[in-house]
Amino acid sequence: MRADNRIPLETLRRSLGRVAQDVERGDSLVVERRGEEAFALVPMRIYRLLEEERRALIESTRQARESFSDLSGEEVEDLVAGELEATRGRTSPSAKSVADC
């Protein structure tokens, strides 16, 4: 996010109406409290997309747990190691060298 998409909390308090209009038009803002990121204001369409993604991730995690619930810890580790090795084999040499660092 660009630095100009940041706003101190005090400024937000003084100009909430203008900021709300900007967000409704599609802008996203990071609100800072004492120089630290506190929260973000995003348009509803982005919020809904994020919520949809979060729900999908929770569901896929639940399904994965169910799929592997009958495996031992060692069997799960072997599957993960195999997938990692296969993934490394598909990466480019430059990406592989970065991953090995």
Protein backbone atom coordinates (compact mmCIF):
# COMPACT_ATOMS: atom_id res chain seq x y z
CA MET A 1 0.00 0.00 0.00
CA ARG A 2 1.32 3.43 -0.88
CA ALA A 3 2.37 5.81 1.87
CA ASP A 4 -0.31 8.31 0.80
CA ASN A 5 -2.95 5.69 1.69
CA ARG A 6 -2.11 6.09 5.37
CA ILE A 7 -3.90 8.38 7.76
CA PRO A 8 -3.33 9.15 11.44
CA LEU A 9 -6.27 8.33 13.69
CA GLU A 10 -6.59 11.97 14.76
CA THR A 11 -6.95 13.06 11.12
CA LEU A 12 -9.56 10.35 10.58
CA ARG A 13 -11.55 11.65 13.55
CA ARG A 14 -11.54 15.19 12.11
CA SER A 15 -12.42 14.17 8.55
CA LEU A 16 -14.49 11.00 8.85
CA GLY A 17 -17.09 12.13 6.31
CA ARG A 18 -14.54 12.77 3.56
CA VAL A 19 -12.63 9.59 4.35
CA ALA A 20 -15.86 7.54 4.30
CA GLN A 21 -16.69 8.92 0.85
CA ASP A 22 -13.20 8.07 -0.42
CA VAL A 23 -13.50 4.49 0.87
CA GLU A 24 -17.00 4.12 -0.59
CA ARG A 25 -15.53 5.16 -3.97
CA GLY A 26 -12.94 2.39 -3.75
CA ASP A 27 -9.96 3.76 -1.83
CA SER A 28 -8.40 1.72 0.96
CA LEU A 29 -6.65 3.32 3.92
CA VAL A 30 -4.42 2.19 6.73
CA VAL A 31 -5.16 4.07 9.93
CA GLU A 32 -2.18 4.65 12.19
CA ARG A 33 -2.21 5.19 15.94
CA ARG A 34 0.99 6.66 17.38
CA GLY A 35 2.80 5.89 14.11
CA GLU A 36 1.85 2.21 14.13
CA GLU A 37 -0.65 0.51 11.82
CA ALA A 38 -3.87 0.06 13.80
CA PHE A 39 -6.50 -1.02 11.27
CA ALA A 40 -7.56 -0.70 7.65
CA LEU A 41 -10.60 0.80 6.02
CA VAL A 42 -11.59 -0.99 2.83
CA PRO A 43 -14.56 -0.85 0.46
CA MET A 44 -17.27 -3.44 1.12
CA ARG A 45 -16.54 -5.33 -2.11
CA ILE A 46 -12.98 -5.97 -0.91
CA TYR A 47 -14.19 -6.88 2.58
CA ARG A 48 -16.65 -9.37 1.10
CA LEU A 49 -13.93 -10.92 -1.07
CA LEU A 50 -11.64 -11.26 1.94
CA GLU A 51 -14.43 -12.85 3.98
CA GLU A 52 -15.18 -15.28 1.15
CA GLU A 53 -11.50 -16.23 0.94
CA ARG A 54 -11.30 -16.66 4.72
CA ARG A 55 -14.34 -18.94 4.75
CA ALA A 56 -12.96 -20.98 1.84
CA LEU A 57 -9.64 -21.39 3.63
CA ILE A 58 -11.37 -22.52 6.82
CA GLU A 59 -13.43 -25.04 4.86
CA SER A 60 -10.46 -26.41 2.92
CA THR A 61 -8.50 -26.72 6.18
CA ARG A 62 -11.41 -28.62 7.73
CA GLN A 63 -11.58 -30.94 4.71
CA ALA A 64 -7.82 -31.53 4.82
CA ARG A 65 -7.98 -32.40 8.51
CA GLU A 66 -10.75 -34.88 7.84
CA SER A 67 -8.87 -36.40 4.89
CA PHE A 68 -5.72 -36.96 6.91
CA SER A 69 -7.28 -37.76 10.29
CA ASP A 70 -6.60 -41.48 9.93
CA LEU A 71 -2.88 -41.00 9.15
CA SER A 72 -0.14 -41.10 11.74
CA GLY A 73 2.05 -38.07 12.31
CA GLU A 74 4.91 -39.78 10.51
CA GLU A 75 2.73 -40.51 7.47
CA VAL A 76 1.63 -36.87 7.31
CA GLU A 77 5.26 -35.70 7.58
CA ASP A 78 6.24 -38.06 4.74
CA LEU A 79 3.45 -36.71 2.54
CA VAL A 80 4.45 -33.11 3.27
CA ALA A 81 8.13 -33.86 2.60
CA GLY A 82 7.20 -35.48 -0.71
CA GLU A 83 5.11 -32.51 -1.77
CA LEU A 84 7.87 -30.08 -0.81
CA GLU A 85 10.39 -32.06 -2.83
CA ALA A 86 8.05 -32.19 -5.84
CA THR A 87 7.48 -28.43 -5.57
CA ARG A 88 11.21 -27.76 -5.44
CA GLY A 89 11.62 -29.82 -8.59
CA ARG A 90 9.11 -27.60 -10.41
CA THR A 91 10.77 -24.29 -9.44
CA SER A 92 13.25 -22.50 -11.62
CA PRO A 93 16.96 -22.80 -10.73
CA SER A 94 17.09 -19.18 -9.50
CA ALA A 95 14.00 -19.66 -7.33
CA LYS A 96 15.44 -22.92 -6.04
CA SER A 97 18.70 -21.24 -4.98
CA VAL A 98 16.76 -18.53 -3.15
CA ALA A 99 14.62 -21.16 -1.39
CA ASP A 100 17.74 -23.03 -0.29
CA CYS A 101 19.20 -19.97 1.48
